[in-house]
Amino acid sequence: MFIESLSKGLAVLEAFQPDAPTATLSEIARRSGLSMGSAQRIAYTLVELGYLEKDPATKTYRVGPRVLRLARSYMQSVDLQRASQLAMQELAQGTGETVNVSVRSGGDIVYVLRIPGPHSMVLPNLWVGSSLPLHFTSMGRAMLAHSDPFEFEAFLAEIEFPFATSARVFDEETFRADLERVRARGYAVNDLDLRPDLRSLGAPIFNHDGHAVAAMGVAVNAHRYSAALLEDRLASPLVAAAARVSRNLGFEPADPERGLAARVRT
């Protein structure tokens, strides 16, 4: 399973340090422990991809701006954890239910944080790092409904309509209408869509730029909550908790009195 070529590429990137921000090809080879031939091929590839830059005059290399994307993704995940922790804990304790935070990865959501409540609905096959299809989950729909219009249309173009969940069938018209309701009320409902014993709510989390970078969700046992009871008891505290995380990330709603539920992307 070990990918040696990937290991060598990372070794080249790690050859650059704060006290040694530039390097010649021979220095890269020496610092990474690679042969000159391997170092040259890898450096050329990384330059083409934007992870390294080469000065044509001095023939030296330095880290390129694309590396910042990797660092930014890591820092965002750290920021999200710090911003979410207290709000998640209080929501789990106040409701007695499992609270999750997920981010989007292509057409899926990925669970990044989870706090079980005393009456938690814990799915044995889901844990931090697990992924599920975006359109089958309340957290995924919460992010999708508030996504950039171009990304929104591109995602819908990839879905094969109609598609069936465990509880209902969506054609494109009904799915768009469902997402419009999500935008209007500020949260999404999963009513037995993922599995027949599970209901959940999901609310978007926005960063300082106003992008839906994550979602917070509450999952409950369907035998304990009807869909109406779920919304009546848990929607308001969930939206408030997600709004709190958004504020921690620097988001300021355009209409503070109505909060995130008023935020509609067009």
Protein backbone atom coordinates (compact mmCIF):
# COMPACT_ATOMS: atom_id res chain seq x y z
CA MET A 1 0.00 0.00 0.00
CA PHE A 2 2.96 2.35 0.56
CA ILE A 3 3.40 4.71 -2.41
CA GLU A 4 7.13 5.34 -2.76
CA SER A 5 6.82 8.07 -5.40
CA LEU A 6 4.49 10.07 -3.13
CA SER A 7 6.93 9.64 -0.26
CA LYS A 8 9.75 11.01 -2.42
CA GLY A 9 7.65 13.99 -3.48
CA LEU A 10 6.90 14.87 0.13
CA ALA A 11 10.57 14.46 1.00
CA VAL A 12 11.41 17.10 -1.63
CA LEU A 13 8.86 19.52 -0.16
CA GLU A 14 10.20 18.89 3.34
CA ALA A 15 13.69 19.82 2.11
CA PHE A 16 12.57 23.44 2.38
CA GLN A 17 12.64 24.83 5.92
CA PRO A 18 12.18 28.32 7.45
CA ASP A 19 15.97 28.65 7.79
CA ALA A 20 16.54 27.26 4.28
CA PRO A 21 13.71 28.63 2.08
CA THR A 22 15.58 28.13 -1.20
CA ALA A 23 17.68 25.28 -2.54
CA THR A 24 19.58 24.19 -5.61
CA LEU A 25 18.84 20.83 -7.15
CA SER A 26 21.90 19.29 -5.53
CA GLU A 27 20.83 20.67 -2.13
CA ILE A 28 17.35 19.21 -2.62
CA ALA A 29 18.85 15.83 -3.41
CA ARG A 30 21.13 15.98 -0.36
CA ARG A 31 18.42 17.14 2.05
CA SER A 32 15.84 14.63 0.81
CA GLY A 33 18.25 11.70 0.47
CA LEU A 34 17.34 11.21 -3.20
CA SER A 35 19.51 10.74 -6.23
CA MET A 36 20.02 13.75 -8.50
CA GLY A 37 17.90 12.09 -11.19
CA SER A 38 14.96 11.46 -8.84
CA ALA A 39 15.22 14.92 -7.30
CA GLN A 40 15.24 16.51 -10.75
CA ARG A 41 12.16 14.61 -11.95
CA ILE A 42 10.20 15.30 -8.79
CA ALA A 43 11.19 18.97 -8.67
CA TYR A 44 10.15 19.41 -12.30
CA THR A 45 6.76 17.82 -11.56
CA LEU A 46 6.21 19.97 -8.48
CA VAL A 47 7.08 23.11 -10.45
CA GLU A 48 4.56 22.16 -13.13
CA LEU A 49 1.90 21.63 -10.45
CA GLY A 50 2.68 24.90 -8.67
CA TYR A 51 4.05 23.38 -5.47
CA LEU A 52 7.56 24.64 -6.24
CA GLU A 53 8.88 27.67 -8.09
CA LYS A 54 12.21 27.83 -9.94
CA ASP A 55 14.25 30.99 -10.36
CA PRO A 56 15.52 30.89 -13.97
CA ALA A 57 18.46 33.15 -13.14
CA THR A 58 19.86 31.41 -10.06
CA LYS A 59 18.46 27.92 -10.82
CA THR A 60 17.26 27.71 -7.24
CA TYR A 61 13.90 26.40 -6.06
CA ARG A 62 11.49 27.62 -3.42
CA VAL A 63 8.06 26.54 -2.17
CA GLY A 64 5.23 27.66 -4.47
CA PRO A 65 1.90 29.25 -3.51
CA ARG A 66 -0.08 26.06 -4.05
CA VAL A 67 1.43 24.61 -0.88
CA LEU A 68 -0.54 27.26 0.97
CA ARG A 69 -3.75 25.49 -0.04
CA LEU A 70 -2.71 22.45 1.96
CA ALA A 71 -1.73 24.57 4.95
CA ARG A 72 -4.93 26.59 4.70
CA SER A 73 -7.06 23.43 4.67
CA TYR A 74 -5.34 22.23 7.82
CA MET A 75 -5.67 25.58 9.57
CA GLN A 76 -9.35 25.78 8.61
CA SER A 77 -9.97 22.36 10.17
CA VAL A 78 -8.19 23.47 13.34
CA ASP A 79 -10.15 26.73 13.39
CA LEU A 80 -13.40 24.83 12.86
CA GLN A 81 -12.68 22.50 15.76
CA ARG A 82 -11.87 25.37 18.09
CA ALA A 83 -14.88 27.37 16.94
CA SER A 84 -17.28 24.41 17.27
CA GLN A 85 -16.25 22.64 20.45
CA LEU A 86 -18.14 24.59 23.10
CA ALA A 87 -21.30 25.08 21.01
CA MET A 88 -21.38 21.35 20.22
CA GLN A 89 -20.90 20.36 23.85
CA GLU A 90 -23.68 22.63 25.06
CA LEU A 91 -26.04 21.47 22.31
CA ALA A 92 -25.35 17.78 23.07
CA GLN A 93 -25.88 18.33 26.80
CA GLY A 94 -28.97 20.48 26.29
CA THR A 95 -30.70 18.11 23.87
CA GLY A 96 -29.26 14.79 25.01
CA GLU A 97 -28.58 13.89 21.38
CA THR A 98 -25.57 13.27 19.16
CA VAL A 99 -24.13 16.41 17.58
CA ASN A 100 -21.94 16.23 14.49
CA VAL A 101 -20.00 18.67 12.35
CA SER A 102 -19.10 17.81 8.77
CA VAL A 103 -17.39 19.44 5.81
CA ARG A 104 -17.94 18.95 2.11
CA SER A 105 -15.60 16.88 -0.01
CA GLY A 106 -16.78 16.82 -3.62
CA GLY A 107 -20.14 15.07 -3.68
CA ASP A 108 -19.88 13.82 -0.08
CA ILE A 109 -19.90 15.08 3.45
CA VAL A 110 -17.05 14.04 5.74
CA TYR A 111 -17.60 13.85 9.50
CA VAL A 112 -14.90 15.88 11.26
CA LEU A 113 -16.32 16.27 14.79
CA ARG A 114 -18.77 14.26 16.88
CA ILE A 115 -20.07 14.60 20.44
CA PRO A 116 -22.52 11.93 21.66
CA GLY A 117 -25.31 13.02 24.00
CA PRO A 118 -26.83 10.92 26.83
CA HIS A 119 -29.55 9.64 24.48
CA SER A 120 -27.21 9.51 21.53
CA MET A 121 -28.09 7.95 18.23
CA VAL A 122 -24.71 6.44 17.37
CA LEU A 123 -24.42 4.67 14.05
CA PRO A 124 -21.83 1.89 14.34
CA ASN A 125 -20.56 2.36 10.79
CA LEU A 126 -20.09 6.15 11.04
CA TRP A 127 -17.23 7.88 12.82
CA VAL A 128 -14.99 10.89 12.37
CA GLY A 129 -13.59 10.54 8.85
CA SER A 130 -16.62 8.69 7.48
CA SER A 131 -18.33 10.05 4.39
CA LEU A 132 -21.87 9.98 3.02
CA PRO A 133 -23.47 11.30 -0.18
CA LEU A 134 -24.17 15.01 0.12
CA HIS A 135 -27.79 14.84 -1.07
CA PHE A 136 -28.79 12.01 1.30
CA THR A 137 -27.97 13.90 4.50
CA SER A 138 -29.33 16.92 6.32
CA MET A 139 -25.85 18.40 6.82
CA GLY A 140 -25.07 17.89 3.13
CA ARG A 141 -28.27 19.58 2.02
CA ALA A 142 -27.63 22.45 4.42
CA MET A 143 -24.26 23.09 2.77
CA LEU A 144 -25.54 22.48 -0.74
CA ALA A 145 -28.47 24.87 -0.36
CA HIS A 146 -26.07 27.67 0.56
CA SER A 147 -23.33 26.83 -1.92
CA ASP A 148 -22.11 29.07 -4.69
CA PRO A 149 -24.70 29.13 -7.54
CA PHE A 150 -22.20 27.74 -10.05
CA GLU A 151 -21.22 24.88 -7.71
CA PHE A 152 -24.89 24.30 -6.94
CA GLU A 153 -25.83 23.87 -10.61
CA ALA A 154 -22.73 21.80 -11.35
CA PHE A 155 -23.62 19.40 -8.52
CA LEU A 156 -27.22 19.04 -9.67
CA ALA A 157 -25.97 18.30 -13.19
CA GLU A 158 -24.08 15.31 -11.79
CA ILE A 159 -27.10 13.77 -10.03
CA GLU A 160 -29.15 11.14 -11.84
CA PHE A 161 -32.77 12.15 -11.38
CA PRO A 162 -34.95 10.73 -10.08
CA PHE A 163 -33.06 9.27 -7.12
CA ALA A 164 -34.53 7.35 -4.22
CA THR A 165 -33.68 7.56 -0.54
CA SER A 166 -34.92 4.97 1.93
CA ALA A 167 -38.09 7.04 2.41
CA ARG A 168 -38.91 9.00 -0.75
CA VAL A 169 -38.12 9.69 -4.38
CA PHE A 170 -36.76 13.02 -5.63
CA ASP A 171 -36.99 14.35 -9.14
CA GLU A 172 -35.11 17.53 -9.94
CA GLU A 173 -38.08 19.78 -9.31
CA THR A 174 -38.85 18.36 -5.86
CA PHE A 175 -35.16 18.37 -4.89
CA ARG A 176 -34.76 22.02 -5.86
CA ALA A 177 -37.90 22.82 -3.89
CA ASP A 178 -36.50 20.98 -0.86
CA LEU A 179 -33.29 23.01 -1.02
CA GLU A 180 -35.27 26.22 -1.38
CA ARG A 181 -37.02 25.37 1.90
CA VAL A 182 -33.61 24.79 3.49
CA ARG A 183 -32.49 28.26 2.42
CA ALA A 184 -35.69 29.85 3.69
CA ARG A 185 -35.77 28.30 7.16
CA GLY A 186 -32.04 27.93 7.82
CA TYR A 187 -31.84 24.16 8.32
CA ALA A 188 -32.38 20.88 6.47
CA VAL A 189 -34.39 17.84 7.54
CA ASN A 190 -33.47 14.22 6.94
CA ASP A 191 -36.71 12.32 7.52
CA LEU A 192 -35.71 8.64 7.30
CA ASP A 193 -33.81 9.34 4.07
CA LEU A 194 -30.55 7.76 5.16
CA ARG A 195 -32.00 4.90 7.17
CA PRO A 196 -35.49 4.03 8.46
CA ASP A 197 -34.52 4.46 12.13
CA LEU A 198 -32.82 7.84 11.80
CA ARG A 199 -33.99 11.43 11.60
CA SER A 200 -31.68 14.42 11.65
CA LEU A 201 -31.41 18.17 11.22
CA GLY A 202 -28.51 20.05 9.65
CA ALA A 203 -27.66 23.76 9.74
CA PRO A 204 -24.95 25.52 7.72
CA ILE A 205 -21.80 27.01 9.21
CA PHE A 206 -20.37 30.03 7.40
CA ASN A 207 -16.86 31.45 7.43
CA HIS A 208 -15.86 35.10 7.43
CA ASP A 209 -16.35 35.26 3.64
CA GLY A 210 -19.93 34.04 3.93
CA HIS A 211 -19.25 30.62 2.42
CA ALA A 212 -20.91 27.52 3.85
CA VAL A 213 -17.71 25.70 4.83
CA ALA A 214 -19.33 23.16 7.16
CA ALA A 215 -22.58 22.09 8.76
CA MET A 216 -23.70 21.08 12.22
CA GLY A 217 -26.23 18.30 12.65
CA VAL A 218 -28.29 16.57 15.33
CA ALA A 219 -29.15 12.91 14.77
CA VAL A 220 -31.98 11.19 16.68
CA ASN A 221 -33.68 7.83 16.88
CA ALA A 222 -36.81 7.91 14.73
CA HIS A 223 -38.73 5.90 17.34
CA ARG A 224 -38.28 8.75 19.84
CA TYR A 225 -38.94 11.69 17.51
CA SER A 226 -41.47 12.32 14.80
CA ALA A 227 -40.36 14.76 12.11
CA ALA A 228 -42.63 17.44 13.57
CA LEU A 229 -41.34 16.93 17.13
CA LEU A 230 -37.76 16.98 15.87
CA GLU A 231 -38.21 20.37 14.24
CA ASP A 232 -40.23 21.76 17.13
CA ARG A 233 -37.68 20.85 19.82
CA LEU A 234 -34.31 20.83 18.12
CA ALA A 235 -34.33 23.13 15.07
CA SER A 236 -34.03 26.38 17.03
CA PRO A 237 -31.16 25.31 19.33
CA LEU A 238 -29.31 23.74 16.38
CA VAL A 239 -29.56 26.86 14.22
CA ALA A 240 -28.46 28.97 17.19
CA ALA A 241 -25.46 26.71 17.83
CA ALA A 242 -24.44 26.74 14.16
CA ALA A 243 -24.81 30.53 14.10
CA ARG A 244 -22.54 30.73 17.12
CA VAL A 245 -19.87 28.72 15.34
CA SER A 246 -20.24 30.92 12.26
CA ARG A 247 -19.69 34.01 14.42
CA ASN A 248 -16.61 32.37 15.91
CA LEU A 249 -15.30 31.98 12.35
CA GLY A 250 -15.89 35.67 11.67
CA PHE A 251 -19.23 35.54 9.86
CA GLU A 252 -21.56 38.51 10.23
CA PRO A 253 -25.08 37.98 8.85
CA ALA A 254 -26.52 40.72 6.66
CA ASP A 255 -29.66 40.75 8.81
CA PRO A 256 -28.57 40.05 12.42
CA GLU A 257 -32.13 40.17 13.79
CA ARG A 258 -33.28 37.32 11.60
CA GLY A 259 -29.92 35.55 11.70
CA LEU A 260 -28.77 32.76 9.42
CA ALA A 261 -32.27 31.66 8.53
CA ALA A 262 -32.61 34.87 6.56
CA ARG A 263 -29.57 34.19 4.44
CA VAL A 264 -30.68 33.16 0.95
CA ARG A 265 -28.26 32.62 -1.91
CA THR A 266 -29.46 33.61 -5.35
